[in-house]
Protein backbone atom coordinates (compact mmCIF):
# COMPACT_ATOMS: atom_id res chain seq x y z
CA MET A 1 -12.09 3.85 11.11
CA ALA A 2 -11.33 6.83 8.81
CA GLY A 3 -9.27 8.56 11.50
CA ARG A 4 -7.28 5.41 12.22
CA ALA A 5 -6.72 4.83 8.50
CA GLY A 6 -5.44 8.35 8.01
CA ALA A 7 -3.10 8.01 10.97
CA VAL A 8 -1.73 4.70 9.73
CA GLY A 9 -1.71 5.64 6.04
CA GLY A 10 -0.31 9.08 6.76
CA GLY A 11 2.40 7.61 8.93
CA GLY A 12 3.64 5.73 5.89
CA GLY A 13 4.58 8.95 4.12
CA GLY A 14 7.70 9.48 6.16
CA SER A 15 8.82 5.88 5.84
CA LEU A 16 8.53 6.18 2.05
CA GLY A 17 10.75 9.23 2.04
CA TYR A 18 7.86 11.60 1.31
CA ARG A 19 7.45 14.94 2.95
CA ILE A 20 3.81 15.36 3.95
CA ILE A 21 2.67 18.91 3.15
CA ALA A 22 -1.07 18.57 3.88
CA ARG A 23 -3.54 16.18 5.50
CA ARG A 24 -7.26 16.18 4.72
CA GLU A 25 -6.90 19.25 2.53
CA ARG A 26 -10.31 20.78 1.75
CA VAL A 27 -10.79 21.48 -1.96
CA LEU A 28 -14.03 21.95 -3.97
CA ARG A 29 -16.32 20.66 -1.20
CA GLY A 30 -14.18 17.54 -0.91
CA ASP A 31 -10.92 16.60 0.67
CA ILE A 32 -7.63 15.06 -0.35
CA ASP A 33 -6.38 12.59 2.27
CA LEU A 34 -2.68 13.41 1.94
CA ILE A 35 -0.55 15.66 -0.21
CA ALA A 36 3.15 14.94 -0.18
CA LEU A 37 6.38 15.66 -1.98
CA ASP A 38 8.41 12.79 -3.38
CA GLY A 39 11.51 14.63 -4.49
CA ARG A 40 10.13 17.20 -6.92
CA THR A 41 6.86 15.34 -7.56
CA VAL A 42 3.62 16.41 -5.89
CA VAL A 43 1.83 13.25 -4.76
CA PHE A 44 -1.88 13.12 -3.99
CA VAL A 45 -2.60 10.13 -1.78
CA GLU A 46 -5.98 8.47 -1.34
CA VAL A 47 -6.11 6.34 1.83
CA ARG A 48 -8.67 3.51 1.86
CA ALA A 49 -9.30 1.17 4.79
CA ARG A 50 -11.28 -1.91 5.67
CA SER A 51 -11.57 -4.10 8.72
CA ASP A 52 -12.00 -7.26 6.62
CA LEU A 53 -12.05 -8.43 3.00
CA LEU A 54 -15.72 -9.48 2.91
CA HIS A 55 -16.49 -6.60 0.53
CA GLY A 56 -13.20 -6.80 -1.37
CA HIS A 57 -9.77 -5.25 -1.02
CA PRO A 58 -9.76 -1.57 0.02
CA ALA A 59 -8.12 -0.60 -3.30
CA GLU A 60 -11.18 -1.91 -5.16
CA SER A 61 -13.21 0.92 -3.65
CA VAL A 62 -11.27 3.43 -5.77
CA ASP A 63 -13.54 2.95 -8.76
CA ALA A 64 -13.76 5.10 -11.90
CA ARG A 65 -16.08 7.61 -10.20
CA LYS A 66 -13.74 7.98 -7.21
CA GLN A 67 -10.71 8.28 -9.53
CA ARG A 68 -12.39 11.09 -11.41
CA ARG A 69 -13.22 12.90 -8.15
CA ILE A 70 -9.66 12.55 -6.85
CA ALA A 71 -8.35 13.90 -10.16
CA GLU A 72 -10.77 16.87 -9.98
CA LEU A 73 -9.64 17.72 -6.45
CA ALA A 74 -5.96 17.34 -7.37
CA THR A 75 -6.41 19.59 -10.40
CA ALA A 76 -8.12 22.25 -8.30
CA TYR A 77 -5.30 22.08 -5.72
CA ILE A 78 -2.67 22.40 -8.47
CA ARG A 79 -4.40 25.48 -9.88
CA ARG A 80 -4.94 27.07 -6.45
CA HIS A 81 -1.27 26.71 -5.56
CA HIS A 82 0.11 27.46 -9.06
CA LEU A 83 1.79 24.07 -9.41
CA GLU A 84 1.04 23.58 -13.11
CA ASP A 85 4.75 23.09 -13.89
CA CYS A 86 5.25 20.34 -11.29
CA HIS A 87 5.24 16.61 -11.87
CA VAL A 88 2.13 15.12 -10.30
CA ARG A 89 1.23 11.59 -9.27
CA ILE A 90 -1.77 9.95 -7.61
CA ASP A 91 -1.06 7.12 -5.16
CA VAL A 92 -3.38 4.88 -3.19
CA VAL A 93 -2.52 3.58 0.27
CA THR A 94 -4.67 0.79 1.68
CA VAL A 95 -5.00 -0.19 5.31
CA LEU A 96 -6.45 -3.52 6.40
CA PHE A 97 -7.21 -3.60 10.11
CA ASP A 98 -7.06 -6.95 11.90
CA PRO A 99 -10.05 -7.41 14.23
CA ALA A 100 -7.81 -9.54 16.49
CA GLY A 101 -5.68 -6.48 17.17
CA SER A 102 -2.57 -7.35 15.16
CA PRO A 103 -0.87 -4.41 13.47
CA PRO A 104 -2.71 -3.23 10.36
CA ARG A 105 -1.45 -4.28 6.93
CA VAL A 106 -0.54 -1.21 4.89
CA GLU A 107 0.00 -1.38 1.12
CA HIS A 108 1.20 1.44 -1.10
CA PHE A 109 0.27 1.66 -4.79
CA PRO A 110 2.36 4.44 -6.37
CA ASP A 111 0.97 6.00 -9.54
CA ALA A 112 -2.18 3.95 -8.94
CA PHE A 113 -4.09 5.32 -11.92
CA GLU A 114 -3.83 7.81 -14.74
CA SER A 115 -5.88 10.95 -14.28
CA PRO A 116 -9.10 10.56 -16.27
CA LEU A 117 -9.17 14.34 -16.84
């Protein structure tokens, strides 16, 4: 499901007017799902997917621990690429797959949380 979520979630970048600059970027023994530019803002995008809502909405899986990890990875990427002077934002894109085969429902949460760092 992760590959399908990335394909669907990543496809949304262009429709939002973002320019995708990296997919599944490896940083600090982790990875950032998408890195994009929204104008002059660097956007780190976490893509979460589920095939049903039995265990909650996909956005609910981005808990405090996951937020901290995303922020750590984003900070490391910013330092590695000398982007300290850029505006930065963390978005969450959720994908809910329909088992019946209907198109997935994609939701975008810009500026989903403040960096806990």
